[in-house]
Structures are given as structure tokens and as C-alpha cells.
């Protein structure tokens, strides 16, 4: 029984780590998208001088 519980806790930890990794990747993508939007906004403001 203890081995089964240990395995469940291991799996839960693994899933939590995967969730954190996914959230970190999502945050990086969102930051990149924001940077791209800011670049485009800056580019268009310079071309409309």
C-alpha cells in the first residue's frame, strides 16, 4: 500500500512540475508576443512621421 501511495505522490509531483513548465513556457510566449506588438507599434509610428 505504501508503495502505491508513494507512486501516486511521485506522479502528482511530476504533473505539478509539468504544469509549472507549461506555465513558464506560456509566460515566455506571451512576453514574446508583447515585445512583437510593441515593435510593430514602434515601427508604424516611425513610418508615419
N, C-alpha and C. Protein backbone atom coordinates (compact mmCIF):
# COMPACT_ATOMS: atom_id res chain seq x y z
N UNK A 1 0.83 -1.20 0.00
CA UNK A 1 0.00 0.00 0.00
C UNK A 1 0.86 1.26 0.00
N UNK A 2 1.91 1.29 0.81
CA UNK A 2 2.78 2.46 0.87
C UNK A 2 3.46 2.74 -0.46
N UNK A 3 3.83 1.67 -1.17
CA UNK A 3 4.47 1.85 -2.47
C UNK A 3 3.51 2.49 -3.46
N UNK A 4 2.24 2.08 -3.37
CA UNK A 4 1.23 2.67 -4.26
C UNK A 4 1.04 4.15 -3.94
N UNK A 5 0.99 4.47 -2.66
CA UNK A 5 0.86 5.88 -2.27
C UNK A 5 2.08 6.68 -2.71
N UNK A 6 3.25 6.11 -2.52
CA UNK A 6 4.48 6.79 -2.95
C UNK A 6 4.44 7.06 -4.45
N UNK A 7 3.97 6.09 -5.22
CA UNK A 7 3.88 6.25 -6.67
C UNK A 7 2.88 7.35 -7.03
N UNK A 8 1.77 7.38 -6.32
CA UNK A 8 0.76 8.43 -6.56
C UNK A 8 1.36 9.80 -6.28
N UNK A 9 2.07 9.93 -5.17
CA UNK A 9 2.69 11.22 -4.83
C UNK A 9 3.77 11.60 -5.84
N UNK A 10 4.52 10.62 -6.30
CA UNK A 10 5.53 10.88 -7.34
C UNK A 10 4.86 11.40 -8.60
N UNK A 11 3.78 10.74 -9.00
CA UNK A 11 3.05 11.15 -10.19
C UNK A 11 2.48 12.56 -10.03
N UNK A 12 1.96 12.85 -8.84
CA UNK A 12 1.42 14.18 -8.59
C UNK A 12 2.52 15.23 -8.68
N UNK A 13 3.68 14.95 -8.12
CA UNK A 13 4.81 15.88 -8.20
C UNK A 13 5.24 16.09 -9.65
N UNK A 14 5.27 15.00 -10.40
CA UNK A 14 5.66 15.08 -11.80
C UNK A 14 4.68 15.95 -12.59
N UNK A 15 3.39 15.74 -12.34
CA UNK A 15 2.37 16.54 -13.02
C UNK A 15 2.47 18.00 -12.63
N UNK A 16 2.74 18.27 -11.38
CA UNK A 16 2.89 19.66 -10.93
C UNK A 16 4.09 20.31 -11.62
N UNK A 17 5.19 19.57 -11.74
CA UNK A 17 6.36 20.11 -12.43
C UNK A 17 6.06 20.38 -13.90
N UNK A 18 5.32 19.48 -14.54
CA UNK A 18 4.94 19.69 -15.93
C UNK A 18 4.04 20.91 -16.07
N UNK A 19 3.13 21.07 -15.12
CA UNK A 19 2.22 22.23 -15.14
C UNK A 19 3.02 23.53 -15.01
N UNK A 20 3.98 23.54 -14.11
CA UNK A 20 4.82 24.72 -13.92
C UNK A 20 5.63 25.01 -15.18
N UNK A 21 6.18 23.97 -15.80
CA UNK A 21 6.92 24.15 -17.05
C UNK A 21 6.03 24.74 -18.13
N UNK A 22 4.81 24.23 -18.24
CA UNK A 22 3.87 24.74 -19.24
C UNK A 22 3.55 26.21 -18.98
N UNK A 23 3.31 26.55 -17.74
CA UNK A 23 3.01 27.94 -17.40
C UNK A 23 4.20 28.85 -17.70
N UNK A 24 5.41 28.37 -17.44
CA UNK A 24 6.60 29.16 -17.75
C UNK A 24 6.75 29.38 -19.25
N UNK A 25 6.48 28.32 -20.03
CA UNK A 25 6.55 28.46 -21.49
C UNK A 25 5.48 29.41 -22.00
N UNK A 26 4.27 29.31 -21.44
CA UNK A 26 3.19 30.20 -21.82
C UNK A 26 3.56 31.65 -21.52
N UNK A 27 4.13 31.89 -20.36
CA UNK A 27 4.54 33.23 -19.98
C UNK A 27 5.60 33.76 -20.94
N UNK A 28 6.53 32.92 -21.34
CA UNK A 28 7.58 33.34 -22.28
C UNK A 28 6.98 33.68 -23.64
N UNK A 29 6.02 32.89 -24.09
CA UNK A 29 5.36 33.16 -25.38
C UNK A 29 4.59 34.47 -25.30
N UNK A 30 3.87 34.68 -24.22
CA UNK A 30 3.10 35.91 -24.07
C UNK A 30 4.02 37.13 -24.02
N UNK A 31 5.15 37.00 -23.37
CA UNK A 31 6.12 38.09 -23.31
C UNK A 31 6.67 38.38 -24.71
N UNK A 32 6.96 37.33 -25.46
CA UNK A 32 7.46 37.50 -26.83
C UNK A 32 6.41 38.19 -27.69
N UNK A 33 5.16 37.80 -27.55
CA UNK A 33 4.08 38.42 -28.33
C UNK A 33 3.95 39.89 -27.97
N UNK A 34 4.07 40.21 -26.70
CA UNK A 34 4.00 41.61 -26.28
C UNK A 34 5.16 42.40 -26.88
N UNK A 35 6.36 41.83 -26.87
CA UNK A 35 7.51 42.50 -27.47
C UNK A 35 7.29 42.73 -28.96
N UNK A 36 6.72 41.74 -29.65
CA UNK A 36 6.45 41.89 -31.08
C UNK A 36 5.43 42.99 -31.33
N UNK A 37 4.38 43.05 -30.52
CA UNK A 37 3.37 44.10 -30.67
C UNK A 37 3.99 45.47 -30.45
N UNK A 38 4.84 45.59 -29.43
CA UNK A 38 5.48 46.87 -29.16
C UNK A 38 6.41 47.26 -30.31
N UNK A 39 7.11 46.29 -30.87
CA UNK A 39 7.99 46.56 -32.00
C UNK A 39 7.19 47.05 -33.19
N UNK A 40 6.08 46.37 -33.48
CA UNK A 40 5.24 46.76 -34.62
C UNK A 40 4.67 48.16 -34.41
N UNK A 41 4.22 48.44 -33.20
CA UNK A 41 3.67 49.76 -32.89
C UNK A 41 4.75 50.83 -33.09
N UNK A 42 5.94 50.56 -32.62
CA UNK A 42 7.06 51.50 -32.78
C UNK A 42 7.40 51.67 -34.26
N UNK A 43 7.44 50.57 -35.00
CA UNK A 43 7.76 50.60 -36.43
C UNK A 43 6.75 51.47 -37.17
N UNK A 44 5.46 51.26 -36.91
CA UNK A 44 4.43 52.03 -37.61
C UNK A 44 4.48 53.49 -37.23
N UNK A 45 4.79 53.80 -35.98
CA UNK A 45 4.88 55.21 -35.59
C UNK A 45 6.05 55.89 -36.29
N UNK A 46 7.13 55.15 -36.53
CA UNK A 46 8.28 55.72 -37.24
C UNK A 46 8.00 55.88 -38.73
N UNK A 47 7.24 54.98 -39.31
CA UNK A 47 6.96 55.08 -40.75
C UNK A 47 5.91 56.13 -41.05
N UNK A 48 5.19 56.58 -40.04
CA UNK A 48 4.15 57.59 -40.26
C UNK A 48 4.60 58.98 -39.84
N UNK A 49 5.88 59.19 -39.77
CA UNK A 49 6.39 60.51 -39.38
C UNK A 49 6.20 61.51 -40.51
